[in-house]
C-alpha atoms as a PDB file:
ATOM      1  CA  LYS A   1     199.891 170.051  95.982  1.00  0.00           C
ATOM      2  CA  SER A   2     198.261 169.656  99.562  1.00  0.00           C
ATOM      3  CA  SER A   3     196.948 172.185 101.583  1.00  0.00           C
ATOM      4  CA  SER A   4     197.382 170.716 104.490  1.00  0.00           C
ATOM      5  CA  LYS A   5     201.027 171.203 107.059  1.00  0.00           C
ATOM      6  CA  PRO A   6     202.257 166.903 107.622  1.00  0.00           C
ATOM      7  CA  MET A   7     202.074 165.458 110.423  1.00  0.00           C
ATOM      8  CA  ILE A   8     205.263 164.803 112.522  1.00  0.00           C
ATOM      9  CA  LEU A   9     204.327 161.426 114.845  1.00  0.00           C
ATOM     10  CA  GLY A  10     206.737 159.857 117.944  1.00  0.00           C
ATOM     11  CA  THR A  11     209.111 162.933 118.672  1.00  0.00           C
ATOM     12  CA  LYS A  12     210.588 162.980 121.842  1.00  0.00           C
ATOM     13  CA  ALA A  13     211.306 166.489 123.921  1.00  0.00           C
ATOM     14  CA  TYR A  14     215.174 165.902 124.321  1.00  0.00           C
ATOM     15  CA  TYR A  15     217.474 163.774 121.989  1.00  0.00           C
ATOM     16  CA  ALA A  16     221.306 163.621 123.367  1.00  0.00           C
ATOM     17  CA  PRO A  17     224.338 163.581 120.551  1.00  0.00           C
ATOM     18  CA  GLY A  18     224.372 160.308 119.390  1.00  0.00           C
ATOM     19  CA  ASP A  19     220.681 159.646 119.586  1.00  0.00           C
ATOM     20  CA  LEU A  20     218.488 157.078 116.951  1.00  0.00           C
ATOM     21  CA  VAL A  21     215.775 159.099 115.935  1.00  0.00           C
ATOM     22  CA  ASN A  22     212.867 157.304 114.831  1.00  0.00           C
ATOM     23  CA  VAL A  23     209.870 159.358 114.191  1.00  0.00           C
ATOM     24  CA  THR A  24     207.133 159.472 111.037  1.00  0.00           C
ATOM     25  CA  CYS A  25     206.157 162.493 109.273  1.00  0.00           C
ATOM     26  CA  MET A  26     202.495 162.420 107.245  1.00  0.00           C
ATOM     27  CA  SER A  27     200.460 164.191 104.691  1.00  0.00           C
ATOM     28  CA  ALA A  28     197.572 164.254 102.885  1.00  0.00           C
ATOM     29  CA  PRO A  29     197.296 162.590  99.501  1.00  0.00           C
ATOM     30  CA  SER A  30     197.989 164.814  97.027  1.00  0.00           C
ATOM     31  CA  ARG A  31     198.709 165.336  92.730  1.00  0.00           C
ATOM     32  CA  PRO A  32     201.876 165.675  92.451  1.00  0.00           C
ATOM     33  CA  ALA A  33     202.893 163.878  95.447  1.00  0.00           C
ATOM     34  CA  ASP A  34     204.451 165.981  98.624  1.00  0.00           C
ATOM     35  CA  ILE A  35     208.343 165.603  98.940  1.00  0.00           C
ATOM     36  CA  LEU A  36     209.386 165.031 102.237  1.00  0.00           C
ATOM     37  CA  LYS A  37     212.368 165.835 103.304  1.00  0.00           C
ATOM     38  CA  TRP A  38     213.891 165.656 106.892  1.00  0.00           C
ATOM     39  CA  TRP A  39     216.653 168.631 107.825  1.00  0.00           C
ATOM     40  CA  ILE A  40     218.245 168.662 111.734  1.00  0.00           C
ATOM     41  CA  ASN A  41     220.731 171.555 112.003  1.00  0.00           C
ATOM     42  CA  GLY A  42     220.534 173.400 108.488  1.00  0.00           C
ATOM     43  CA  GLU A  43     221.639 169.578 106.931  1.00  0.00           C
ATOM     44  CA  GLU A  44     219.331 167.178 105.005  1.00  0.00           C
ATOM     45  CA  VAL A  45     219.116 163.966 106.317  1.00  0.00           C
ATOM     46  CA  GLN A  46     219.484 160.976 103.852  1.00  0.00           C
ATOM     47  CA  VAL A  47     216.327 158.920 105.463  1.00  0.00           C
ATOM     48  CA  MET A  48     216.328 155.235 105.737  1.00  0.00           C
ATOM     49  CA  MET A  49     213.416 152.484 104.825  1.00  0.00           C
END
């Protein structure tokens, strides 16, 4: 696992309900690979790639 924290890029100070959010989460190389997940208001977000 990586010893450094992931970096989140592309955030805005405010989002309105219904806004499309486009952000990137990057982590340092690690073995085994880190598992990155997004959560909003306590619910896991299904990531679109």
